[in-house]
Amino acid sequence: MAYTLEEKYSLIKSEVLKHRSLNPIEIVKTIMHNDYVNIHGSEHHFLDGAAFIVAYKNAGGNIDLVYALDELANRTIKMPGAMCGQWGICGSTASVGAALSIIHKTGPLSNDDFYKQHMEYTSSVISAMSKIGGPRCCKRNAFLSLSYAVKFVKEKYSIDMQIDEIKCEFTGFNQQCLKQKCPYYKNK
């Protein structure tokens, strides 16, 4: 079945709201197996930040969950596909960065530590991605963005989310898989 991006976002929102996990990777992997999530696609721009927001809330983060997800959808629907290769910024990292700005209510005129810290988060993830290289993989980048985010919010805000060893379940679906070069390759 073909879905519009808006339909995908609606399905993702409905699905993330069901999760009680403190582990955003567990949430995102479960949803990635649905037919409305392509191996690569702009739906990750919402999915990754949404999984983070839900796990953050479940871990005790003080946030209006429905508002945060709606705001994240409004922001990420504007992000074009193929940002990684065409803009030099990963959509997953931008999604989690947007989630952090929603959580902390920062904006372009904010003059606080949150503004600086969000930039610190996104730059650290992009730096790690640059060491791995391409081609694109929305699954790998989601795992990297979210694993960095879990460590980041624990260190900066004492929000104790969960993360387990990450093993990719999507290699067989990705013609461009880096296999052994990927830190999440299942057969390492």
Protein backbone atom coordinates (compact mmCIF):
# COMPACT_ATOMS: atom_id res chain seq x y z
CA MET A 1 0.00 0.00 0.00
CA ALA A 2 1.22 3.50 -0.80
CA TYR A 3 1.06 6.04 2.00
CA THR A 4 1.45 9.79 1.92
CA LEU A 5 4.02 11.25 4.29
CA GLU A 6 1.18 12.71 6.37
CA GLU A 7 -0.41 9.26 6.67
CA LYS A 8 2.94 7.78 7.72
CA TYR A 9 3.32 10.45 10.39
CA SER A 10 -0.17 9.74 11.71
CA LEU A 11 0.53 6.00 11.89
CA ILE A 12 3.87 6.60 13.59
CA LYS A 13 2.29 8.90 16.16
CA SER A 14 -0.42 6.34 16.95
CA GLU A 15 2.19 3.62 17.33
CA VAL A 16 4.69 5.52 19.50
CA LEU A 17 1.95 6.55 21.91
CA LYS A 18 1.43 2.84 22.73
CA HIS A 19 5.00 2.32 23.94
CA ARG A 20 6.04 2.34 27.59
CA SER A 21 9.69 1.54 26.97
CA LEU A 22 12.55 3.73 28.22
CA ASN A 23 14.61 2.54 25.23
CA PRO A 24 14.18 4.64 22.07
CA ILE A 25 16.04 2.05 19.95
CA GLU A 26 13.55 -0.63 21.00
CA ILE A 27 10.68 1.71 20.10
CA VAL A 28 12.12 2.75 16.75
CA LYS A 29 13.07 -0.81 15.72
CA THR A 30 9.56 -2.09 16.46
CA ILE A 31 7.99 0.63 14.30
CA MET A 32 10.58 0.28 11.51
CA HIS A 33 9.19 -3.18 10.74
CA ASN A 34 5.83 -1.73 9.63
CA ASP A 35 5.04 -1.46 5.92
CA TYR A 36 4.69 2.31 6.13
CA VAL A 37 8.37 2.75 7.05
CA ASN A 38 10.69 2.36 4.07
CA ILE A 39 14.28 1.21 4.42
CA HIS A 40 15.24 4.81 3.58
CA GLY A 41 12.75 7.66 3.73
CA SER A 42 11.62 10.96 5.14
CA GLU A 43 9.35 9.22 7.65
CA HIS A 44 12.52 8.66 9.73
CA HIS A 45 12.71 12.42 10.24
CA PHE A 46 9.64 12.14 12.46
CA LEU A 47 9.99 8.55 13.69
CA ASP A 48 13.41 8.93 15.27
CA GLY A 49 12.59 12.07 17.26
CA ALA A 50 9.19 10.68 18.21
CA ALA A 51 10.74 7.48 19.61
CA PHE A 52 13.17 9.65 21.57
CA ILE A 53 10.40 11.88 22.96
CA VAL A 54 8.31 8.90 24.10
CA ALA A 55 11.26 7.15 25.77
CA TYR A 56 12.26 10.47 27.39
CA LYS A 57 8.74 10.90 28.80
CA ASN A 58 8.64 7.27 29.95
CA ALA A 59 11.98 7.79 31.74
CA GLY A 60 10.48 10.62 33.79
CA GLY A 61 11.05 13.58 31.48
CA ASN A 62 8.63 16.42 32.13
CA ILE A 63 6.89 16.99 28.80
CA ASP A 64 3.42 17.28 27.30
CA LEU A 65 3.69 14.22 25.07
CA VAL A 66 0.92 14.92 22.57
CA TYR A 67 1.97 18.56 22.13
CA ALA A 68 5.62 17.52 21.69
CA LEU A 69 4.78 14.92 19.04
CA ASP A 70 2.51 17.33 17.16
CA GLU A 71 5.18 20.04 17.22
CA LEU A 72 7.84 17.58 16.10
CA ALA A 73 5.60 16.55 13.20
CA ASN A 74 5.11 20.21 12.22
CA ARG A 75 8.86 20.79 12.20
CA THR A 76 10.05 17.59 10.56
CA ILE A 77 7.48 17.41 7.76
CA LYS A 78 9.36 20.39 6.27
CA MET A 79 12.63 18.46 6.07
CA PRO A 80 13.39 17.12 2.58
CA GLY A 81 14.49 13.57 1.92
CA ALA A 82 18.13 12.77 1.21
CA MET A 83 19.33 15.53 3.55
CA CYS A 84 22.40 13.49 4.45
CA GLY A 85 23.81 13.45 0.94
CA GLN A 86 22.40 16.73 -0.33
CA TRP A 87 22.69 19.00 2.71
CA GLY A 88 25.40 17.37 4.81
CA ILE A 89 23.10 16.90 7.82
CA CYS A 90 21.31 13.73 8.84
CA GLY A 91 17.53 13.93 9.18
CA SER A 92 17.60 11.63 12.22
CA THR A 93 20.05 13.88 14.04
CA ALA A 94 18.02 16.96 13.11
CA SER A 95 14.88 15.17 14.35
CA VAL A 96 16.37 14.42 17.77
CA GLY A 97 17.79 17.96 17.87
CA ALA A 98 14.28 19.27 17.20
CA ALA A 99 12.93 17.00 19.95
CA LEU A 100 15.46 18.45 22.40
CA SER A 101 14.48 22.00 21.43
CA ILE A 102 10.80 21.15 21.96
CA ILE A 103 11.53 19.57 25.33
CA HIS A 104 13.51 22.60 26.49
CA LYS A 105 11.42 25.20 24.67
CA THR A 106 14.41 26.69 22.87
CA GLY A 107 14.26 28.74 19.72
CA PRO A 108 16.54 30.81 17.51
CA LEU A 109 16.70 33.64 20.06
CA SER A 110 17.33 31.46 23.09
CA ASN A 111 20.31 32.52 25.15
CA ASP A 112 20.73 29.64 27.55
CA ASP A 113 22.71 26.47 28.04
CA PHE A 114 20.05 24.37 26.31
CA TYR A 115 20.71 26.14 23.00
CA LYS A 116 24.42 25.38 23.26
CA GLN A 117 23.86 21.84 24.47
CA HIS A 118 21.56 20.94 21.59
CA MET A 119 24.25 22.09 19.16
CA GLU A 120 26.77 20.02 21.12
CA TYR A 121 24.57 16.93 20.73
CA THR A 122 23.96 17.31 16.99
CA SER A 123 27.59 18.13 16.20
CA SER A 124 28.82 15.08 18.14
CA VAL A 125 26.50 12.77 16.20
CA ILE A 126 27.34 14.29 12.82
CA SER A 127 31.04 13.93 13.67
CA ALA A 128 30.53 10.23 14.43
CA MET A 129 28.57 9.76 11.19
CA SER A 130 31.32 11.44 9.20
CA LYS A 131 33.78 8.81 10.42
CA ILE A 132 31.54 5.98 9.19
CA GLY A 133 30.78 7.58 5.82
CA GLY A 134 28.21 6.66 3.24
CA PRO A 135 26.17 5.60 1.52
CA ARG A 136 23.11 6.54 3.50
CA CYS A 137 21.37 4.22 5.88
CA CYS A 138 18.39 5.58 7.79
CA LYS A 139 18.51 2.63 10.20
CA ARG A 140 22.21 3.05 11.06
CA ASN A 141 21.82 6.79 11.48
CA ALA A 142 18.75 6.35 13.69
CA PHE A 143 20.64 3.93 15.92
CA LEU A 144 23.59 6.31 16.12
CA SER A 145 21.47 9.43 16.77
CA LEU A 146 19.38 7.74 19.43
CA SER A 147 22.26 6.00 21.21
CA TYR A 148 24.09 9.33 21.47
CA ALA A 149 20.90 10.99 22.69
CA VAL A 150 20.43 8.44 25.49
CA LYS A 151 23.96 9.11 26.77
CA PHE A 152 23.56 12.85 26.28
CA VAL A 153 20.38 13.29 28.34
CA LYS A 154 21.76 11.14 31.12
CA GLU A 155 24.93 13.22 31.31
CA LYS A 156 23.30 16.63 30.91
CA TYR A 157 19.87 16.25 32.49
CA SER A 158 20.02 13.08 34.65
CA ILE A 159 17.27 11.42 32.59
CA ASP A 160 18.05 7.72 32.74
CA MET A 161 16.77 6.16 29.54
CA GLN A 162 17.72 2.61 28.53
CA ILE A 163 19.79 1.22 25.72
CA ASP A 164 20.92 -2.32 24.94
CA GLU A 165 23.50 -3.61 22.49
CA ILE A 166 22.27 -2.60 19.05
CA LYS A 167 22.17 -5.21 16.30
CA CYS A 168 20.63 -4.25 12.97
CA GLU A 169 17.75 -6.36 11.71
CA PHE A 170 17.49 -4.63 8.33
CA THR A 171 20.67 -5.62 6.43
CA GLY A 172 18.79 -7.90 4.05
CA PHE A 173 16.50 -5.03 3.02
CA ASN A 174 19.25 -2.48 2.36
CA GLN A 175 21.09 -2.86 -0.94
CA GLN A 176 23.62 -0.25 0.18
CA CYS A 177 24.41 -1.85 3.57
CA LEU A 178 28.01 -1.30 4.65
CA LYS A 179 27.97 -4.67 6.39
CA GLN A 180 31.20 -5.08 8.44
CA LYS A 181 31.90 -1.32 8.25
CA CYS A 182 28.65 -0.60 10.10
CA PRO A 183 28.89 -0.55 13.90
CA TYR A 184 25.47 -2.23 14.12
CA TYR A 185 25.98 -5.01 11.57
CA LYS A 186 24.43 -8.16 13.04
CA ASN A 187 27.06 -10.61 11.80
CA LYS A 188 30.16 -8.91 13.24
